[in-house]
Each structure stands twice: as structure tokens, then as C-alpha cells.
Amino acid sequence: MMLLIAGLIFVLVGGGFYVYSRNAGTPSSLIQTDALSKIADSFRLGEQEKEESSGIPCWICSQDITLGKSWACSECGARYHRSDQVQGCDIVSMGNCLHCDASSDELVEA
């Protein structure tokens, strides 16, 4: 098995050196940027879903909450993650706001 892996590495390195030497020794000859772009596009590597961060920390875990996907206390405005966003961060199961002790029934979507 190790011999097979070593042979494969040898073939790949040798092939890369051959292509490099045949194309005047330019490093860009080894990797075609348009080919890499097509591969990245197929895997959506260039795209990252960016959720808008509010800069407002959650009262339980202190991480930023996501706009439009959080809870807010209707009494004091304290913000919390929804239960499915951050593991272990669930204000509904705690029952009361950590800031003003209002009931979790008073939470509104924020």
C-alpha cells in the first residue's frame, strides 16, 4: 500500500516537473487560473453566505446576534439567539429574561 502511494506521489511530482520545464519554467504554467475558477465555481468556494451581523451581543453567550433571526425582550430590549442558532443558547427554556426577569412569553422577533 505504501509503495502504491509513493509511486503515485512520484508520478504526480514528475508530471508537474515535466509540465513546468516544457513551459519555460513559469509557475503559472502548472496551474491554469481559469480552470481553478471553474472548479471553485462548481463547488461554490468563492461564495460565502454572509449574514448581516448586528454588533449586538446575546445576553446568554455574548456572541453577535443575526439581524432578523433573534429574540428580543419586549420589556428591556435584551437580545438572544433563537434556540437552533447556537448550541446551548436558548432563552425560551430558561423562562425569563436575564436582564429584567420578564417572562420568556414576552419575547418578540427581532
PDB file of N, CA and C in Angstrom:
ATOM      1  N   MET A   1       0.819  -1.183   0.000  1.00  0.00           N
ATOM      2  CA  MET A   1       0.000   0.000   0.000  1.00  0.00           C
ATOM      3  C   MET A   1       0.870   1.257   0.000  1.00  0.00           C
ATOM      4  N   MET A   2       1.894   1.260   0.864  1.00  0.00           N
ATOM      5  CA  MET A   2       2.795   2.411   0.936  1.00  0.00           C
ATOM      6  C   MET A   2       3.554   2.584  -0.376  1.00  0.00           C
ATOM      7  N   LEU A   3       3.874   1.474  -1.013  1.00  0.00           N
ATOM      8  CA  LEU A   3       4.582   1.530  -2.289  1.00  0.00           C
ATOM      9  C   LEU A   3       3.700   2.156  -3.354  1.00  0.00           C
ATOM     10  N   LEU A   4       2.422   1.857  -3.334  1.00  0.00           N
ATOM     11  CA  LEU A   4       1.468   2.425  -4.282  1.00  0.00           C
ATOM     12  C   LEU A   4       1.342   3.934  -4.080  1.00  0.00           C
ATOM     13  N   ILE A   5       1.249   4.373  -2.841  1.00  0.00           N
ATOM     14  CA  ILE A   5       1.144   5.801  -2.540  1.00  0.00           C
ATOM     15  C   ILE A   5       2.415   6.528  -2.945  1.00  0.00           C
ATOM     16  N   ALA A   6       3.569   5.944  -2.641  1.00  0.00           N
ATOM     17  CA  ALA A   6       4.844   6.554  -3.015  1.00  0.00           C
ATOM     18  C   ALA A   6       4.969   6.652  -4.536  1.00  0.00           C
ATOM     19  N   GLY A   7       4.524   5.625  -5.229  1.00  0.00           N
ATOM     20  CA  GLY A   7       4.567   5.652  -6.693  1.00  0.00           C
ATOM     21  C   GLY A   7       3.658   6.722  -7.260  1.00  0.00           C
ATOM     22  N   LEU A   8       2.487   6.884  -6.689  1.00  0.00           N
ATOM     23  CA  LEU A   8       1.543   7.912  -7.139  1.00  0.00           C
ATOM     24  C   LEU A   8       2.117   9.307  -6.916  1.00  0.00           C
ATOM     25  N   ILE A   9       2.726   9.528  -5.763  1.00  0.00           N
ATOM     26  CA  ILE A   9       3.346  10.827  -5.488  1.00  0.00           C
ATOM     27  C   ILE A   9       4.483  11.085  -6.469  1.00  0.00           C
ATOM     28  N   PHE A  10       5.276  10.075  -6.749  1.00  0.00           N
ATOM     29  CA  PHE A  10       6.389  10.213  -7.689  1.00  0.00           C
ATOM     30  C   PHE A  10       5.883  10.588  -9.079  1.00  0.00           C
ATOM     31  N   VAL A  11       4.813   9.943  -9.531  1.00  0.00           N
ATOM     32  CA  VAL A  11       4.251  10.236 -10.855  1.00  0.00           C
ATOM     33  C   VAL A  11       3.713  11.661 -10.898  1.00  0.00           C
ATOM     34  N   LEU A  12       3.019  12.091  -9.851  1.00  0.00           N
ATOM     35  CA  LEU A  12       2.465  13.443  -9.835  1.00  0.00           C
ATOM     36  C   LEU A  12       3.557  14.509  -9.817  1.00  0.00           C
ATOM     37  N   VAL A  13       4.576  14.317  -9.002  1.00  0.00           N
ATOM     38  CA  VAL A  13       5.680  15.275  -8.940  1.00  0.00           C
ATOM     39  C   VAL A  13       6.440  15.282 -10.256  1.00  0.00           C
ATOM     40  N   GLY A  14       6.691  14.109 -10.805  1.00  0.00           N
ATOM     41  CA  GLY A  14       7.394  14.027 -12.094  1.00  0.00           C
ATOM     42  C   GLY A  14       6.596  14.678 -13.208  1.00  0.00           C
ATOM     43  N   GLY A  15       5.301  14.449 -13.233  1.00  0.00           N
ATOM     44  CA  GLY A  15       4.451  15.077 -14.251  1.00  0.00           C
ATOM     45  C   GLY A  15       4.412  16.581 -14.102  1.00  0.00           C
ATOM     46  N   GLY A  16       4.349  17.063 -12.879  1.00  0.00           N
ATOM     47  CA  GLY A  16       4.365  18.509 -12.636  1.00  0.00           C
ATOM     48  C   GLY A  16       5.679  19.130 -13.076  1.00  0.00           C
ATOM     49  N   PHE A  17       6.785  18.457 -12.769  1.00  0.00           N
ATOM     50  CA  PHE A  17       8.093  18.962 -13.190  1.00  0.00           C
ATOM     51  C   PHE A  17       8.206  18.971 -14.714  1.00  0.00           C
ATOM     52  N   TYR A  18       7.655  17.953 -15.361  1.00  0.00           N
ATOM     53  CA  TYR A  18       7.696  17.885 -16.828  1.00  0.00           C
ATOM     54  C   TYR A  18       6.929  19.062 -17.436  1.00  0.00           C
ATOM     55  N   VAL A  19       5.735  19.321 -16.956  1.00  0.00           N
ATOM     56  CA  VAL A  19       4.940  20.438 -17.487  1.00  0.00           C
ATOM     57  C   VAL A  19       5.643  21.753 -17.208  1.00  0.00           C
ATOM     58  N   TYR A  20       6.211  21.905 -16.026  1.00  0.00           N
ATOM     59  CA  TYR A  20       6.926  23.117 -15.643  1.00  0.00           C
ATOM     60  C   TYR A  20       8.119  23.374 -16.567  1.00  0.00           C
ATOM     61  N   SER A  21       8.890  22.341 -16.831  1.00  0.00           N
ATOM     62  CA  SER A  21      10.079  22.509 -17.670  1.00  0.00           C
ATOM     63  C   SER A  21       9.724  22.716 -19.145  1.00  0.00           C
ATOM     64  N   ARG A  22       8.596  22.168 -19.610  1.00  0.00           N
ATOM     65  CA  ARG A  22       8.184  22.312 -21.006  1.00  0.00           C
ATOM     66  C   ARG A  22       7.621  23.696 -21.301  1.00  0.00           C
ATOM     67  N   ASN A  23       7.185  24.410 -20.283  1.00  0.00           N
ATOM     68  CA  ASN A  23       6.581  25.730 -20.470  1.00  0.00           C
ATOM     69  C   ASN A  23       7.487  26.838 -19.956  1.00  0.00           C
ATOM     70  N   ALA A  24       8.745  26.743 -20.256  1.00  0.00           N
ATOM     71  CA  ALA A  24       9.751  27.761 -19.946  1.00  0.00           C
ATOM     72  C   ALA A  24       9.899  28.032 -18.456  1.00  0.00           C
ATOM     73  N   GLY A  25       9.504  27.101 -17.650  1.00  0.00           N
ATOM     74  CA  GLY A  25       9.713  27.231 -16.218  1.00  0.00           C
ATOM     75  C   GLY A  25       8.885  28.300 -15.539  1.00  0.00           C
ATOM     76  N   THR A  26       7.721  28.641 -16.082  1.00  0.00           N
ATOM     77  CA  THR A  26       6.869  29.638 -15.428  1.00  0.00           C
ATOM     78  C   THR A  26       5.900  28.930 -14.481  1.00  0.00           C
ATOM     79  N   PRO A  27       5.822  29.385 -13.242  1.00  0.00           N
ATOM     80  CA  PRO A  27       4.933  28.728 -12.270  1.00  0.00           C
ATOM     81  C   PRO A  27       3.460  28.746 -12.681  1.00  0.00           C
ATOM     82  N   SER A  28       3.054  29.758 -13.413  1.00  0.00           N
ATOM     83  CA  SER A  28       1.648  29.822 -13.824  1.00  0.00           C
ATOM     84  C   SER A  28       1.299  28.732 -14.824  1.00  0.00           C
ATOM     85  N   SER A  29       2.321  28.097 -15.409  1.00  0.00           N
ATOM     86  CA  SER A  29       2.043  27.023 -16.363  1.00  0.00           C
ATOM     87  C   SER A  29       1.524  25.776 -15.670  1.00  0.00           C
ATOM     88  N   LEU A  30       1.816  25.624 -14.393  1.00  0.00           N
ATOM     89  CA  LEU A  30       1.365  24.448 -13.667  1.00  0.00           C
ATOM     90  C   LEU A  30      -0.114  24.505 -13.316  1.00  0.00           C
ATOM     91  N   ILE A  31      -0.609  25.695 -13.015  1.00  0.00           N
ATOM     92  CA  ILE A  31      -1.997  25.845 -12.594  1.00  0.00           C
ATOM     93  C   ILE A  31      -2.664  26.900 -13.471  1.00  0.00           C
ATOM     94  N   GLN A  32      -3.660  26.485 -14.192  1.00  0.00           N
ATOM     95  CA  GLN A  32      -4.416  27.406 -15.033  1.00  0.00           C
ATOM     96  C   GLN A  32      -5.467  28.102 -14.169  1.00  0.00           C
ATOM     97  N   THR A  33      -5.415  29.431 -14.107  1.00  0.00           N
ATOM     98  CA  THR A  33      -6.320  30.153 -13.221  1.00  0.00           C
ATOM     99  C   THR A  33      -7.774  30.040 -13.658  1.00  0.00           C
ATOM    100  N   ASP A  34      -8.029  29.987 -14.967  1.00  0.00           N
ATOM    101  CA  ASP A  34      -9.417  29.854 -15.413  1.00  0.00           C
ATOM    102  C   ASP A  34      -9.970  28.469 -15.062  1.00  0.00           C
ATOM    103  N   ALA A  35      -9.113  27.461 -15.099  1.00  0.00           N
ATOM    104  CA  ALA A  35      -9.550  26.120 -14.701  1.00  0.00           C
ATOM    105  C   ALA A  35      -9.860  26.077 -13.212  1.00  0.00           C
ATOM    106  N   LEU A  36      -9.022  26.729 -12.410  1.00  0.00           N
ATOM    107  CA  LEU A  36      -9.279  26.780 -10.976  1.00  0.00           C
ATOM    108  C   LEU A  36     -10.560  27.548 -10.669  1.00  0.00           C
ATOM    109  N   SER A  37     -10.820  28.608 -11.432  1.00  0.00           N
ATOM    110  CA  SER A  37     -12.044  29.389 -11.227  1.00  0.00           C
ATOM    111  C   SER A  37     -13.279  28.541 -11.500  1.00  0.00           C
ATOM    112  N   LYS A  38     -13.221  27.732 -12.557  1.00  0.00           N
ATOM    113  CA  LYS A  38     -14.359  26.867 -12.878  1.00  0.00           C
ATOM    114  C   LYS A  38     -14.584  25.824 -11.785  1.00  0.00           C
ATOM    115  N   ILE A  39     -13.496  25.266 -11.260  1.00  0.00           N
ATOM    116  CA  ILE A  39     -13.620  24.282 -10.188  1.00  0.00           C
ATOM    117  C   ILE A  39     -14.194  24.944  -8.938  1.00  0.00           C
ATOM    118  N   ALA A  40     -13.689  26.112  -8.591  1.00  0.00           N
ATOM    119  CA  ALA A  40     -14.188  26.821  -7.408  1.00  0.00           C
ATOM    120  C   ALA A  40     -15.659  27.184  -7.570  1.00  0.00           C
ATOM    121  N   ASP A  41     -16.051  27.594  -8.769  1.00  0.00           N
ATOM    122  CA  ASP A  41     -17.450  27.925  -9.013  1.00  0.00           C
ATOM    123  C   ASP A  41     -18.337  26.695  -8.877  1.00  0.00           C
ATOM    124  N   SER A  42     -17.849  25.545  -9.336  1.00  0.00           N
ATOM    125  CA  SER A  42     -18.664  24.344  -9.246  1.00  0.00           C
ATOM    126  C   SER A  42     -18.889  23.918  -7.793  1.00  0.00           C
ATOM    127  N   PHE A  43     -17.917  24.193  -6.937  1.00  0.00           N
ATOM    128  CA  PHE A  43     -18.064  23.877  -5.517  1.00  0.00           C
ATOM    129  C   PHE A  43     -18.550  25.077  -4.707  1.00  0.00           C
ATOM    130  N   ARG A  44     -18.761  26.193  -5.376  1.00  0.00           N
ATOM    131  CA  ARG A  44     -19.180  27.456  -4.748  1.00  0.00           C
ATOM    132  C   ARG A  44     -18.208  27.884  -3.662  1.00  0.00           C
ATOM    133  N   LEU A  45     -16.905  27.735  -3.945  1.00  0.00           N
ATOM    134  CA  LEU A  45     -15.887  28.105  -2.973  1.00  0.00           C
ATOM    135  C   LEU A  45     -15.686  29.608  -2.899  1.00  0.00           C
ATOM    136  N   GLY A  46     -15.977  30.316  -3.960  1.00  0.00           N
ATOM    137  CA  GLY A  46     -15.792  31.759  -3.965  1.00  0.00           C
ATOM    138  C   GLY A  46     -16.921  32.497  -3.283  1.00  0.00           C
ATOM    139  N   GLU A  47     -18.035  31.817  -3.085  1.00  0.00           N
ATOM    140  CA  GLU A  47     -19.195  32.452  -2.487  1.00  0.00           C
ATOM    141  C   GLU A  47     -19.320  32.033  -1.039  1.00  0.00           C
ATOM    142  N   GLN A  48     -19.540  32.982  -0.208  1.00  0.00           N
ATOM    143  CA  GLN A  48     -19.798  32.689   1.190  1.00  0.00           C
ATOM    144  C   GLN A  48     -21.054  33.429   1.581  1.00  0.00           C
ATOM    145  N   GLU A  49     -21.957  32.691   2.218  1.00  0.00           N
ATOM    146  CA  GLU A  49     -23.171  33.338   2.670  1.00  0.00           C
ATOM    147  C   GLU A  49     -22.809  34.247   3.826  1.00  0.00           C
ATOM    148  N   LYS A  50     -23.146  35.515   3.655  1.00  0.00           N
ATOM    149  CA  LYS A  50     -22.826  36.475   4.690  1.00  0.00           C
ATOM    150  C   LYS A  50     -24.118  36.974   5.307  1.00  0.00           C
ATOM    151  N   GLU A  51     -24.292  36.647   6.559  1.00  0.00           N
ATOM    152  CA  GLU A  51     -25.433  37.146   7.273  1.00  0.00           C
ATOM    153  C   GLU A  51     -25.023  38.453   7.927  1.00  0.00           C
ATOM    154  N   GLU A  52     -25.933  39.390   7.937  1.00  0.00           N
ATOM    155  CA  GLU A  52     -25.631  40.689   8.487  1.00  0.00           C
ATOM    156  C   GLU A  52     -25.565  40.604  10.006  1.00  0.00           C
ATOM    157  N   SER A  53     -24.430  40.957  10.555  1.00  0.00           N
ATOM    158  CA  SER A  53     -24.256  40.935  11.991  1.00  0.00           C
ATOM    159  C   SER A  53     -24.704  42.279  12.555  1.00  0.00           C
ATOM    160  N   SER A  54     -25.275  42.241  13.718  1.00  0.00           N
ATOM    161  CA  SER A  54     -25.810  43.455  14.313  1.00  0.00           C
ATOM    162  C   SER A  54     -24.805  44.174  15.199  1.00  0.00           C
ATOM    163  N   GLY A  55     -23.803  43.466  15.687  1.00  0.00           N
ATOM    164  CA  GLY A  55     -22.886  44.049  16.655  1.00  0.00           C
ATOM    165  C   GLY A  55     -23.486  44.050  18.057  1.00  0.00           C
ATOM    166  N   ILE A  56     -24.670  43.471  18.191  1.00  0.00           N
ATOM    167  CA  ILE A  56     -25.351  43.392  19.489  1.00  0.00           C
ATOM    168  C   ILE A  56     -25.118  41.995  20.050  1.00  0.00           C
ATOM    169  N   PRO A  57     -24.570  41.886  21.255  1.00  0.00           N
ATOM    170  CA  PRO A  57     -24.299  40.563  21.819  1.00  0.00           C
ATOM    171  C   PRO A  57     -25.543  39.922  22.421  1.00  0.00           C
ATOM    172  N   CYS A  58     -25.562  38.615  22.361  1.00  0.00           N
ATOM    173  CA  CYS A  58     -26.595  37.826  23.019  1.00  0.00           C
ATOM    174  C   CYS A  58     -26.330  37.865  24.523  1.00  0.00           C
ATOM    175  N   TRP A  59     -27.382  37.964  25.311  1.00  0.00           N
ATOM    176  CA  TRP A  59     -27.232  38.037  26.765  1.00  0.00           C
ATOM    177  C   TRP A  59     -26.832  36.698  27.373  1.00  0.00           C
ATOM    178  N   ILE A  60     -26.958  35.615  26.632  1.00  0.00           N
ATOM    179  CA  ILE A  60     -26.577  34.304  27.175  1.00  0.00           C
ATOM    180  C   ILE A  60     -25.132  33.972  26.813  1.00  0.00           C
ATOM    181  N   CYS A  61     -24.807  34.023  25.521  1.00  0.00           N
ATOM    182  CA  CYS A  61     -23.493  33.537  25.074  1.00  0.00           C
ATOM    183  C   CYS A  61     -22.520  34.647  24.668  1.00  0.00           C
ATOM    184  N   SER A  62     -22.983  35.880  24.598  1.00  0.00           N
ATOM    185  CA  SER A  62     -22.172  37.055  24.253  1.00  0.00           C
ATOM    186  C   SER A  62     -21.710  37.100  22.797  1.00  0.00           C
ATOM    187  N   GLN A  63     -22.172  36.195  21.944  1.00  0.00           N
ATOM    188  CA  GLN A  63     -21.848  36.261  20.524  1.00  0.00           C
ATOM    189  C   GLN A  63     -22.830  37.210  19.843  1.00  0.00           C
ATOM    190  N   ASP A  64     -22.410  37.801  18.720  1.00  0.00           N
ATOM    191  CA  ASP A  64     -23.310  38.690  17.985  1.00  0.00           C
ATOM    192  C   ASP A  64     -24.553  37.948  17.540  1.00  0.00           C
ATOM    193  N   ILE A  65     -25.676  38.622  17.617  1.00  0.00           N
ATOM    194  CA  ILE A  65     -26.913  38.051  17.105  1.00  0.00           C
ATOM    195  C   ILE A  65     -27.020  38.391  15.622  1.00  0.00           C
ATOM    196  N   THR A  66     -27.841  37.677  14.902  1.00  0.00           N
ATOM    197  CA  THR A  66     -28.048  37.907  13.480  1.00  0.00           C
ATOM    198  C   THR A  66     -29.342  38.679  13.295  1.00  0.00           C
ATOM    199  N   LEU A  67     -29.278  39.752  12.527  1.00  0.00           N
ATOM    200  CA  LEU A  67     -30.464  40.575  12.308  1.00  0.00           C
ATOM    201  C   LEU A  67     -31.582  39.772  11.673  1.00  0.00           C
ATOM    202  N   GLY A  68     -32.788  39.911  12.194  1.00  0.00           N
ATOM    203  CA  GLY A  68     -33.946  39.210  11.662  1.00  0.00           C
ATOM    204  C   GLY A  68     -34.064  37.768  12.100  1.00  0.00           C
ATOM    205  N   LYS A  69     -33.102  37.291  12.868  1.00  0.00           N
ATOM    206  CA  LYS A  69     -33.119  35.890  13.301  1.00  0.00           C
ATOM    207  C   LYS A  69     -32.792  35.792  14.788  1.00  0.00           C
ATOM    208  N   SER A  70     -33.437  36.629  15.582  1.00  0.00           N
ATOM    209  CA  SER A  70     -33.152  36.614  17.006  1.00  0.00           C
ATOM    210  C   SER A  70     -34.404  36.945  17.802  1.00  0.00           C
ATOM    211  N   TRP A  71     -34.290  36.816  19.108  1.00  0.00           N
ATOM    212  CA  TRP A  71     -35.364  37.197  20.023  1.00  0.00           C
ATOM    213  C   TRP A  71     -34.958  38.481  20.724  1.00  0.00           C
ATOM    214  N   ALA A  72     -35.948  39.292  21.074  1.00  0.00           N
ATOM    215  CA  ALA A  72     -35.715  40.493  21.872  1.00  0.00           C
ATOM    216  C   ALA A  72     -36.754  40.538  22.977  1.00  0.00           C
ATOM    217  N   CYS A  73     -36.329  40.939  24.138  1.00  0.00           N
ATOM    218  CA  CYS A  73     -37.256  41.104  25.251  1.00  0.00           C
ATOM    219  C   CYS A  73     -38.075  42.362  24.989  1.00  0.00           C
ATOM    220  N   SER A  74     -39.406  42.249  25.072  1.00  0.00           N
ATOM    221  CA  SER A  74     -40.257  43.407  24.799  1.00  0.00           C
ATOM    222  C   SER A  74     -40.211  44.422  25.940  1.00  0.00           C
ATOM    223  N   GLU A  75     -39.696  44.022  27.096  1.00  0.00           N
ATOM    224  CA  GLU A  75     -39.613  44.934  28.238  1.00  0.00           C
ATOM    225  C   GLU A  75     -38.345  45.786  28.208  1.00  0.00           C
ATOM    226  N   CYS A  76     -37.193  45.146  28.014  1.00  0.00           N
ATOM    227  CA  CYS A  76     -35.922  45.877  28.120  1.00  0.00           C
ATOM    228  C   CYS A  76     -35.113  45.902  26.826  1.00  0.00           C
ATOM    229  N   GLY A  77     -35.473  45.068  25.837  1.00  0.00           N
ATOM    230  CA  GLY A  77     -34.754  45.052  24.560  1.00  0.00           C
ATOM    231  C   GLY A  77     -33.561  44.116  24.508  1.00  0.00           C
ATOM    232  N   ALA A  78     -33.308  43.372  25.567  1.00  0.00           N
ATOM    233  CA  ALA A  78     -32.183  42.429  25.562  1.00  0.00           C
ATOM    234  C   ALA A  78     -32.354  41.443  24.410  1.00  0.00           C
ATOM    235  N   ARG A  79     -31.261  41.123  23.725  1.00  0.00           N
ATOM    236  CA  ARG A  79     -31.316  40.245  22.555  1.00  0.00           C
ATOM    237  C   ARG A  79     -30.767  38.874  22.874  1.00  0.00           C
ATOM    238  N   TYR A  80     -31.365  37.878  22.198  1.00  0.00           N
ATOM    239  CA  TYR A  80     -30.987  36.483  22.384  1.00  0.00           C
ATOM    240  C   TYR A  80     -31.021  35.751  21.050  1.00  0.00           C
ATOM    241  N   HIS A  81     -30.178  34.722  20.919  1.00  0.00           N
ATOM    242  CA  HIS A  81     -30.236  33.842  19.748  1.00  0.00           C
ATOM    243  C   HIS A  81     -31.489  32.983  19.832  1.00  0.00           C
ATOM    244  N   ARG A  82     -31.938  32.536  18.693  1.00  0.00           N
ATOM    245  CA  ARG A  82     -33.000  31.526  18.700  1.00  0.00           C
ATOM    246  C   ARG A  82     -32.379  30.194  19.074  1.00  0.00           C
ATOM    247  N   SER A  83     -33.190  29.274  19.533  1.00  0.00           N
ATOM    248  CA  SER A  83     -32.672  28.018  20.095  1.00  0.00           C
ATOM    249  C   SER A  83     -31.898  27.177  19.096  1.00  0.00           C
ATOM    250  N   ASP A  84     -32.160  27.308  17.797  1.00  0.00           N
ATOM    251  CA  ASP A  84     -31.480  26.474  16.805  1.00  0.00           C
ATOM    252  C   ASP A  84     -30.226  27.127  16.223  1.00  0.00           C
ATOM    253  N   GLN A  85     -29.843  28.309  16.689  1.00  0.00           N
ATOM    254  CA  GLN A  85     -28.691  29.001  16.126  1.00  0.00           C
ATOM    255  C   GLN A  85     -27.373  28.647  16.812  1.00  0.00           C
ATOM    256  N   VAL A  86     -27.329  28.711  18.112  1.00  0.00           N
ATOM    257  CA  VAL A  86     -26.107  28.444  18.872  1.00  0.00           C
ATOM    258  C   VAL A  86     -26.427  27.383  19.911  1.00  0.00           C
ATOM    259  N   GLN A  87     -25.672  26.316  19.890  1.00  0.00           N
ATOM    260  CA  GLN A  87     -25.923  25.202  20.804  1.00  0.00           C
ATOM    261  C   GLN A  87     -25.797  25.666  22.262  1.00  0.00           C
ATOM    262  N   GLY A  88     -26.804  25.333  23.045  1.00  0.00           N
ATOM    263  CA  GLY A  88     -26.800  25.683  24.459  1.00  0.00           C
ATOM    264  C   GLY A  88     -27.303  27.083  24.751  1.00  0.00           C
ATOM    265  N   CYS A  89     -27.655  27.827  23.731  1.00  0.00           N
ATOM    266  CA  CYS A  89     -28.133  29.197  23.895  1.00  0.00           C
ATOM    267  C   CYS A  89     -29.631  29.208  23.596  1.00  0.00           C
ATOM    268  N   ASP A  90     -30.458  29.110  24.651  1.00  0.00           N
ATOM    269  CA  ASP A  90     -31.902  29.012  24.458  1.00  0.00           C
ATOM    270  C   ASP A  90     -32.635  29.747  25.579  1.00  0.00           C
ATOM    271  N   ILE A  91     -33.022  30.962  25.328  1.00  0.00           N
ATOM    272  CA  ILE A  91     -33.694  31.777  26.334  1.00  0.00           C
ATOM    273  C   ILE A  91     -35.086  31.252  26.653  1.00  0.00           C
ATOM    274  N   VAL A  92     -35.752  30.629  25.690  1.00  0.00           N
ATOM    275  CA  VAL A  92     -37.108  30.137  25.914  1.00  0.00           C
ATOM    276  C   VAL A  92     -37.112  29.069  27.010  1.00  0.00           C
ATOM    277  N   SER A  93     -36.125  28.172  26.984  1.00  0.00           N
ATOM    278  CA  SER A  93     -36.069  27.124  28.005  1.00  0.00           C
ATOM    279  C   SER A  93     -35.675  27.675  29.377  1.00  0.00           C
ATOM    280  N   MET A  94     -35.018  28.831  29.404  1.00  0.00           N
ATOM    281  CA  MET A  94     -34.643  29.442  30.681  1.00  0.00           C
ATOM    282  C   MET A  94     -35.850  30.078  31.370  1.00  0.00           C
ATOM    283  N   GLY A  95     -36.815  30.514  30.583  1.00  0.00           N
ATOM    284  CA  GLY A  95     -38.055  31.017  31.155  1.00  0.00           C
ATOM    285  C   GLY A  95     -38.141  32.498  31.385  1.00  0.00           C
ATOM    286  N   ASN A  96     -37.033  33.168  31.668  1.00  0.00           N
ATOM    287  CA  ASN A  96     -37.065  34.606  31.966  1.00  0.00           C
ATOM    288  C   ASN A  96     -35.909  35.330  31.300  1.00  0.00           C
ATOM    289  N   CYS A  97     -36.114  36.605  31.045  1.00  0.00           N
ATOM    290  CA  CYS A  97     -35.056  37.467  30.511  1.00  0.00           C
ATOM    291  C   CYS A  97     -33.955  37.579  31.559  1.00  0.00           C
ATOM    292  N   LEU A  98     -32.715  37.463  31.131  1.00  0.00           N
ATOM    293  CA  LEU A  98     -31.594  37.552  32.061  1.00  0.00           C
ATOM    294  C   LEU A  98     -31.327  38.986  32.506  1.00  0.00           C
ATOM    295  N   HIS A  99     -31.856  39.952  31.781  1.00  0.00           N
ATOM    296  CA  HIS A  99     -31.609  41.356  32.110  1.00  0.00           C
ATOM    297  C   HIS A  99     -32.665  41.932  33.044  1.00  0.00           C
ATOM    298  N   CYS A 100     -33.952  41.709  32.721  1.00  0.00           N
ATOM    299  CA  CYS A 100     -35.016  42.333  33.522  1.00  0.00           C
ATOM    300  C   CYS A 100     -35.959  41.329  34.175  1.00  0.00           C
ATOM    301  N   ASP A 101     -35.724  40.041  33.966  1.00  0.00           N
ATOM    302  CA  ASP A 101     -36.503  38.960  34.566  1.00  0.00           C
ATOM    303  C   ASP A 101     -37.940  38.871  34.036  1.00  0.00           C
ATOM    304  N   ALA A 102     -38.196  39.469  32.856  1.00  0.00           N
ATOM    305  CA  ALA A 102     -39.519  39.338  32.240  1.00  0.00           C
ATOM    306  C   ALA A 102     -39.691  37.903  31.746  1.00  0.00           C
ATOM    307  N   SER A 103     -40.914  37.468  31.638  1.00  0.00           N
ATOM    308  CA  SER A 103     -41.210  36.112  31.181  1.00  0.00           C
ATOM    309  C   SER A 103     -40.769  35.920  29.734  1.00  0.00           C
ATOM    310  N   SER A 104     -40.354  34.709  29.385  1.00  0.00           N
ATOM    311  CA  SER A 104     -39.958  34.431  28.003  1.00  0.00           C
ATOM    312  C   SER A 104     -41.151  34.536  27.052  1.00  0.00           C
ATOM    313  N   ASP A 105     -42.367  34.566  27.585  1.00  0.00           N
ATOM    314  CA  ASP A 105     -43.550  34.780  26.747  1.00  0.00           C
ATOM    315  C   ASP A 105     -43.572  36.196  26.171  1.00  0.00           C
ATOM    316  N   GLU A 106     -42.794  37.104  26.759  1.00  0.00           N
ATOM    317  CA  GLU A 106     -42.744  38.491  26.316  1.00  0.00           C
ATOM    318  C   GLU A 106     -41.708  38.702  25.192  1.00  0.00           C
ATOM    319  N   LEU A 107     -41.063  37.663  24.728  1.00  0.00           N
ATOM    320  CA  LEU A 107     -40.068  37.796  23.666  1.00  0.00           C
ATOM    321  C   LEU A 107     -40.744  38.085  22.341  1.00  0.00           C
ATOM    322  N   VAL A 108     -40.100  38.935  21.537  1.00  0.00           N
ATOM    323  CA  VAL A 108     -40.590  39.251  20.197  1.00  0.00           C
ATOM    324  C   VAL A 108     -39.478  38.982  19.199  1.00  0.00           C
ATOM    325  N   GLU A 109     -39.842  38.729  17.944  1.00  0.00           N
ATOM    326  CA  GLU A 109     -38.841  38.506  16.922  1.00  0.00           C
ATOM    327  C   GLU A 109     -38.117  39.801  16.625  1.00  0.00           C
ATOM    328  N   ALA A 110     -36.803  39.706  16.497  1.00  0.00           N
ATOM    329  CA  ALA A 110     -36.008  40.903  16.225  1.00  0.00           C
ATOM    330  C   ALA A 110     -35.029  40.655  15.098  1.00  0.00           C
TER     331      ALA A 110
END
